[in-house]
Amino acid sequence: MNIRFANRPDPLSRSARARLAEIVVCAALRLPLAALRQERRGVSRVAFGRQVAMYLAHVGLGLNLSQVGLAFGRDRTTVRHACALVEDRRSQPGFELALAALEAGVMLRLRAFEPESGR
């Protein structure tokens, strides 16, 4: 595995990781991608989807709060708040299972794009 790619993704990789989280969440929650990208908060279902996508980008894909905020057009404190809300819901067994499945799916797709260590 390329250490630079894994530990310090370049700007393009950071954006791709955030978009991957967005796409996975939109597919899982059946939300239009444009709804997640709107400037305003939107309806609660859309805001929740954005929060989960930000959480996945931060916790699952290793972006820091500022990087996630930049990718989603939000402030890092908004990302921190979103991550805290999602983390609080992890105590619900059904939500925990769904989030774990989303994290596994995102990680599986990410590994498909990582360069092999022998190159």
N, C-alpha and C. Protein backbone atom coordinates (compact mmCIF):
# COMPACT_ATOMS: atom_id res chain seq x y z
N MET A 1 0.85 -1.19 0.00
CA MET A 1 0.00 0.00 0.00
C MET A 1 0.89 1.24 0.00
N ASN A 2 0.51 2.21 -0.73
CA ASN A 2 1.21 3.47 -0.79
C ASN A 2 0.89 4.27 0.48
N ILE A 3 1.88 4.48 1.32
CA ILE A 3 1.66 5.14 2.61
C ILE A 3 1.12 6.56 2.43
N ARG A 4 1.66 7.29 1.46
CA ARG A 4 1.18 8.66 1.23
C ARG A 4 -0.32 8.66 0.92
N PHE A 5 -0.76 7.72 0.10
CA PHE A 5 -2.17 7.64 -0.27
C PHE A 5 -3.03 7.30 0.94
N ALA A 6 -2.55 6.39 1.77
CA ALA A 6 -3.35 5.92 2.90
C ALA A 6 -3.43 6.95 4.02
N ASN A 7 -2.32 7.61 4.32
CA ASN A 7 -2.30 8.47 5.50
C ASN A 7 -2.53 9.95 5.20
N ARG A 8 -2.16 10.40 4.02
CA ARG A 8 -2.29 11.82 3.70
C ARG A 8 -2.78 11.97 2.28
N PRO A 9 -4.07 11.76 2.07
CA PRO A 9 -4.58 11.83 0.70
C PRO A 9 -4.39 13.21 0.08
N ASP A 10 -4.06 13.22 -1.21
CA ASP A 10 -3.91 14.47 -1.93
C ASP A 10 -5.29 15.12 -2.11
N PRO A 11 -5.34 16.39 -2.54
CA PRO A 11 -6.64 17.08 -2.66
C PRO A 11 -7.65 16.35 -3.54
N LEU A 12 -7.20 15.79 -4.65
CA LEU A 12 -8.11 15.07 -5.53
C LEU A 12 -8.65 13.83 -4.84
N SER A 13 -7.79 13.13 -4.14
CA SER A 13 -8.20 11.94 -3.41
C SER A 13 -9.18 12.30 -2.29
N ARG A 14 -8.93 13.42 -1.62
CA ARG A 14 -9.85 13.86 -0.55
C ARG A 14 -11.23 14.12 -1.12
N SER A 15 -11.29 14.80 -2.23
CA SER A 15 -12.56 15.09 -2.86
C SER A 15 -13.25 13.80 -3.30
N ALA A 16 -12.48 12.88 -3.87
CA ALA A 16 -13.05 11.61 -4.32
C ALA A 16 -13.59 10.81 -3.14
N ARG A 17 -12.89 10.84 -2.03
CA ARG A 17 -13.35 10.12 -0.84
C ARG A 17 -14.67 10.72 -0.33
N ALA A 18 -14.75 12.02 -0.31
CA ALA A 18 -15.99 12.67 0.13
C ALA A 18 -17.14 12.34 -0.82
N ARG A 19 -16.86 12.39 -2.13
CA ARG A 19 -17.90 12.05 -3.11
C ARG A 19 -18.34 10.60 -2.97
N LEU A 20 -17.40 9.69 -2.67
CA LEU A 20 -17.74 8.29 -2.45
C LEU A 20 -18.71 8.15 -1.28
N ALA A 21 -18.43 8.83 -0.19
CA ALA A 21 -19.32 8.79 0.98
C ALA A 21 -20.70 9.33 0.61
N GLU A 22 -20.73 10.42 -0.13
CA GLU A 22 -21.99 11.02 -0.59
C GLU A 22 -22.82 10.04 -1.42
N ILE A 23 -22.17 9.41 -2.38
CA ILE A 23 -22.87 8.51 -3.29
C ILE A 23 -23.42 7.30 -2.55
N VAL A 24 -22.64 6.75 -1.65
CA VAL A 24 -23.09 5.58 -0.89
C VAL A 24 -24.30 5.92 -0.03
N VAL A 25 -24.25 7.06 0.63
CA VAL A 25 -25.36 7.48 1.49
C VAL A 25 -26.61 7.79 0.65
N CYS A 26 -26.43 8.47 -0.45
CA CYS A 26 -27.57 8.79 -1.32
C CYS A 26 -28.24 7.51 -1.82
N ALA A 27 -27.45 6.53 -2.20
CA ALA A 27 -28.01 5.27 -2.68
C ALA A 27 -28.74 4.54 -1.55
N ALA A 28 -28.15 4.53 -0.37
CA ALA A 28 -28.75 3.82 0.77
C ALA A 28 -30.05 4.47 1.23
N LEU A 29 -30.08 5.80 1.24
CA LEU A 29 -31.24 6.53 1.74
C LEU A 29 -32.19 6.96 0.62
N ARG A 30 -31.82 6.63 -0.60
CA ARG A 30 -32.63 7.00 -1.78
C ARG A 30 -32.87 8.51 -1.84
N LEU A 31 -31.77 9.22 -1.75
CA LEU A 31 -31.80 10.69 -1.84
C LEU A 31 -31.13 11.12 -3.13
N PRO A 32 -31.63 12.17 -3.75
CA PRO A 32 -30.92 12.69 -4.93
C PRO A 32 -29.62 13.37 -4.49
N LEU A 33 -28.58 13.15 -5.25
CA LEU A 33 -27.28 13.72 -4.92
C LEU A 33 -27.35 15.24 -4.81
N ALA A 34 -28.13 15.85 -5.66
CA ALA A 34 -28.25 17.32 -5.63
C ALA A 34 -28.80 17.81 -4.29
N ALA A 35 -29.66 17.02 -3.67
CA ALA A 35 -30.23 17.43 -2.38
C ALA A 35 -29.15 17.50 -1.31
N LEU A 36 -28.23 16.56 -1.32
CA LEU A 36 -27.15 16.54 -0.33
C LEU A 36 -26.20 17.72 -0.53
N ARG A 37 -26.07 18.17 -1.76
CA ARG A 37 -25.12 19.23 -2.09
C ARG A 37 -25.69 20.64 -2.00
N GLN A 38 -26.96 20.77 -1.67
CA GLN A 38 -27.55 22.11 -1.61
C GLN A 38 -26.93 22.91 -0.47
N GLU A 39 -26.94 24.22 -0.63
CA GLU A 39 -26.32 25.09 0.36
C GLU A 39 -27.10 25.13 1.67
N ARG A 40 -28.41 25.09 1.56
CA ARG A 40 -29.24 25.14 2.76
C ARG A 40 -29.36 23.76 3.39
N ARG A 41 -29.78 23.73 4.62
CA ARG A 41 -29.89 22.49 5.37
C ARG A 41 -30.81 21.50 4.70
N GLY A 42 -31.96 21.98 4.22
CA GLY A 42 -32.94 21.10 3.59
C GLY A 42 -33.81 20.40 4.62
N VAL A 43 -34.63 19.48 4.15
CA VAL A 43 -35.51 18.74 5.06
C VAL A 43 -34.65 17.84 5.93
N SER A 44 -35.22 17.39 7.04
CA SER A 44 -34.44 16.64 8.01
C SER A 44 -33.82 15.37 7.43
N ARG A 45 -34.52 14.72 6.52
CA ARG A 45 -34.00 13.50 5.91
C ARG A 45 -32.73 13.78 5.09
N VAL A 46 -32.72 14.90 4.40
CA VAL A 46 -31.55 15.30 3.62
C VAL A 46 -30.41 15.70 4.55
N ALA A 47 -30.72 16.48 5.57
CA ALA A 47 -29.69 16.90 6.52
C ALA A 47 -29.07 15.69 7.21
N PHE A 48 -29.91 14.71 7.57
CA PHE A 48 -29.40 13.50 8.20
C PHE A 48 -28.48 12.74 7.23
N GLY A 49 -28.87 12.63 5.98
CA GLY A 49 -28.03 11.97 4.99
C GLY A 49 -26.68 12.65 4.85
N ARG A 50 -26.68 13.97 4.83
CA ARG A 50 -25.44 14.74 4.73
C ARG A 50 -24.58 14.49 5.97
N GLN A 51 -25.22 14.44 7.14
CA GLN A 51 -24.47 14.18 8.37
C GLN A 51 -23.81 12.81 8.34
N VAL A 52 -24.53 11.80 7.87
CA VAL A 52 -23.97 10.45 7.78
C VAL A 52 -22.82 10.44 6.77
N ALA A 53 -22.98 11.11 5.64
CA ALA A 53 -21.92 11.16 4.64
C ALA A 53 -20.67 11.86 5.20
N MET A 54 -20.86 12.94 5.94
CA MET A 54 -19.73 13.63 6.55
C MET A 54 -19.04 12.73 7.58
N TYR A 55 -19.84 12.01 8.35
CA TYR A 55 -19.29 11.07 9.34
C TYR A 55 -18.45 10.00 8.64
N LEU A 56 -18.98 9.42 7.58
CA LEU A 56 -18.24 8.39 6.85
C LEU A 56 -16.95 8.94 6.26
N ALA A 57 -17.01 10.16 5.72
CA ALA A 57 -15.81 10.77 5.15
C ALA A 57 -14.75 10.99 6.23
N HIS A 58 -15.18 11.38 7.42
CA HIS A 58 -14.24 11.65 8.51
C HIS A 58 -13.76 10.36 9.17
N VAL A 59 -14.68 9.59 9.69
CA VAL A 59 -14.32 8.41 10.48
C VAL A 59 -13.91 7.23 9.59
N GLY A 60 -14.69 6.98 8.57
CA GLY A 60 -14.42 5.82 7.73
C GLY A 60 -13.33 6.02 6.70
N LEU A 61 -13.21 7.24 6.18
CA LEU A 61 -12.28 7.48 5.08
C LEU A 61 -11.08 8.35 5.47
N GLY A 62 -11.01 8.75 6.73
CA GLY A 62 -9.81 9.38 7.25
C GLY A 62 -9.57 10.84 6.93
N LEU A 63 -10.59 11.55 6.49
CA LEU A 63 -10.41 12.98 6.25
C LEU A 63 -10.56 13.73 7.57
N ASN A 64 -9.79 14.80 7.74
CA ASN A 64 -9.97 15.57 8.98
C ASN A 64 -11.20 16.46 8.85
N LEU A 65 -11.61 17.06 9.94
CA LEU A 65 -12.84 17.85 9.96
C LEU A 65 -12.83 18.99 8.96
N SER A 66 -11.69 19.66 8.83
CA SER A 66 -11.59 20.77 7.88
C SER A 66 -11.70 20.28 6.44
N GLN A 67 -11.10 19.16 6.14
CA GLN A 67 -11.17 18.59 4.78
C GLN A 67 -12.60 18.19 4.44
N VAL A 68 -13.28 17.58 5.41
CA VAL A 68 -14.68 17.19 5.18
C VAL A 68 -15.53 18.44 4.98
N GLY A 69 -15.33 19.43 5.82
CA GLY A 69 -16.07 20.68 5.70
C GLY A 69 -15.89 21.32 4.34
N LEU A 70 -14.65 21.36 3.86
CA LEU A 70 -14.37 21.92 2.55
C LEU A 70 -15.08 21.13 1.45
N ALA A 71 -15.04 19.81 1.54
CA ALA A 71 -15.66 18.96 0.52
C ALA A 71 -17.18 19.09 0.49
N PHE A 72 -17.79 19.35 1.65
CA PHE A 72 -19.24 19.44 1.73
C PHE A 72 -19.76 20.88 1.78
N GLY A 73 -18.86 21.84 1.69
CA GLY A 73 -19.27 23.24 1.72
C GLY A 73 -19.80 23.67 3.08
N ARG A 74 -19.21 23.09 4.12
CA ARG A 74 -19.63 23.39 5.49
C ARG A 74 -18.41 23.75 6.32
N ASP A 75 -18.64 24.31 7.48
CA ASP A 75 -17.58 24.64 8.43
C ASP A 75 -17.17 23.38 9.19
N ARG A 76 -15.93 23.34 9.67
CA ARG A 76 -15.48 22.15 10.41
C ARG A 76 -16.28 21.91 11.68
N THR A 77 -16.80 22.98 12.28
CA THR A 77 -17.61 22.79 13.48
C THR A 77 -18.95 22.13 13.14
N THR A 78 -19.45 22.39 11.95
CA THR A 78 -20.67 21.72 11.49
C THR A 78 -20.39 20.23 11.30
N VAL A 79 -19.23 19.92 10.76
CA VAL A 79 -18.84 18.52 10.58
C VAL A 79 -18.70 17.84 11.94
N ARG A 80 -18.08 18.52 12.88
CA ARG A 80 -17.93 17.96 14.23
C ARG A 80 -19.29 17.67 14.85
N HIS A 81 -20.22 18.60 14.68
CA HIS A 81 -21.57 18.42 15.20
C HIS A 81 -22.25 17.23 14.52
N ALA A 82 -22.11 17.12 13.21
CA ALA A 82 -22.70 16.00 12.47
C ALA A 82 -22.13 14.67 12.96
N CYS A 83 -20.83 14.61 13.15
CA CYS A 83 -20.20 13.37 13.62
C CYS A 83 -20.67 13.01 15.02
N ALA A 84 -20.85 14.01 15.87
CA ALA A 84 -21.34 13.74 17.22
C ALA A 84 -22.77 13.20 17.19
N LEU A 85 -23.62 13.76 16.33
CA LEU A 85 -24.99 13.28 16.21
C LEU A 85 -25.04 11.84 15.72
N VAL A 86 -24.24 11.54 14.72
CA VAL A 86 -24.21 10.17 14.19
C VAL A 86 -23.65 9.22 15.24
N GLU A 87 -22.60 9.62 15.91
CA GLU A 87 -22.00 8.78 16.96
C GLU A 87 -23.01 8.48 18.06
N ASP A 88 -23.79 9.47 18.44
CA ASP A 88 -24.81 9.27 19.48
C ASP A 88 -25.86 8.24 19.07
N ARG A 89 -26.17 8.19 17.79
CA ARG A 89 -27.18 7.24 17.30
C ARG A 89 -26.64 5.82 17.16
N ARG A 90 -25.34 5.66 17.26
CA ARG A 90 -24.75 4.32 17.11
C ARG A 90 -25.17 3.38 18.22
N SER A 91 -25.72 3.90 19.29
CA SER A 91 -26.19 3.02 20.38
C SER A 91 -27.47 2.29 20.00
N GLN A 92 -28.13 2.72 18.94
CA GLN A 92 -29.32 2.03 18.44
C GLN A 92 -28.87 0.87 17.56
N PRO A 93 -29.24 -0.36 17.92
CA PRO A 93 -28.74 -1.53 17.20
C PRO A 93 -29.00 -1.51 15.69
N GLY A 94 -30.18 -1.11 15.27
CA GLY A 94 -30.48 -1.07 13.84
C GLY A 94 -29.64 -0.06 13.10
N PHE A 95 -29.47 1.10 13.71
CA PHE A 95 -28.65 2.14 13.09
C PHE A 95 -27.19 1.71 13.04
N GLU A 96 -26.72 1.12 14.11
CA GLU A 96 -25.33 0.64 14.17
C GLU A 96 -25.06 -0.36 13.05
N LEU A 97 -25.98 -1.27 12.85
CA LEU A 97 -25.83 -2.28 11.81
C LEU A 97 -25.80 -1.63 10.42
N ALA A 98 -26.71 -0.71 10.17
CA ALA A 98 -26.76 -0.03 8.88
C ALA A 98 -25.50 0.80 8.64
N LEU A 99 -25.04 1.50 9.66
CA LEU A 99 -23.84 2.33 9.52
C LEU A 99 -22.61 1.46 9.30
N ALA A 100 -22.53 0.35 10.01
CA ALA A 100 -21.40 -0.57 9.82
C ALA A 100 -21.39 -1.11 8.39
N ALA A 101 -22.55 -1.39 7.85
CA ALA A 101 -22.64 -1.87 6.47
C ALA A 101 -22.19 -0.79 5.49
N LEU A 102 -22.60 0.45 5.73
CA LEU A 102 -22.17 1.55 4.87
C LEU A 102 -20.65 1.74 4.95
N GLU A 103 -20.10 1.69 6.16
CA GLU A 103 -18.65 1.83 6.34
C GLU A 103 -17.91 0.72 5.60
N ALA A 104 -18.40 -0.51 5.72
CA ALA A 104 -17.75 -1.64 5.03
C ALA A 104 -17.82 -1.46 3.52
N GLY A 105 -18.95 -1.02 3.03
CA GLY A 105 -19.10 -0.80 1.59
C GLY A 105 -18.19 0.28 1.08
N VAL A 106 -18.07 1.36 1.82
CA VAL A 106 -17.20 2.47 1.42
C VAL A 106 -15.74 2.00 1.42
N MET A 107 -15.34 1.28 2.44
CA MET A 107 -13.96 0.81 2.53
C MET A 107 -13.64 -0.19 1.42
N LEU A 108 -14.59 -1.04 1.08
CA LEU A 108 -14.40 -2.00 0.01
C LEU A 108 -14.19 -1.28 -1.33
N ARG A 109 -15.00 -0.26 -1.60
CA ARG A 109 -14.85 0.50 -2.84
C ARG A 109 -13.53 1.27 -2.84
N LEU A 110 -13.15 1.81 -1.70
CA LEU A 110 -11.90 2.57 -1.62
C LEU A 110 -10.71 1.67 -1.92
N ARG A 111 -10.70 0.47 -1.37
CA ARG A 111 -9.59 -0.45 -1.60
C ARG A 111 -9.47 -0.82 -3.08
N ALA A 112 -10.57 -0.81 -3.79
CA ALA A 112 -10.54 -1.14 -5.21
C ALA A 112 -9.74 -0.11 -6.00
N PHE A 113 -9.61 1.10 -5.47
CA PHE A 113 -8.91 2.16 -6.18
C PHE A 113 -7.51 2.43 -5.65
N GLU A 114 -7.12 1.75 -4.58
CA GLU A 114 -5.79 1.97 -4.02
C GLU A 114 -4.73 1.31 -4.90
N PRO A 115 -3.60 1.96 -5.06
CA PRO A 115 -2.51 1.34 -5.81
C PRO A 115 -1.95 0.15 -5.03
N GLU A 116 -1.51 -0.86 -5.74
CA GLU A 116 -0.95 -2.03 -5.09
C GLU A 116 0.44 -1.71 -4.57
N SER A 117 0.84 -2.40 -3.48
CA SER A 117 2.11 -2.11 -2.84
C SER A 117 3.32 -2.52 -3.66
N GLY A 118 3.17 -3.45 -4.60
CA GLY A 118 4.30 -3.93 -5.38
C GLY A 118 4.70 -3.02 -6.52
N ARG A 119 4.05 -1.93 -6.71
CA ARG A 119 4.34 -1.05 -7.85
C ARG A 119 5.28 0.05 -7.49
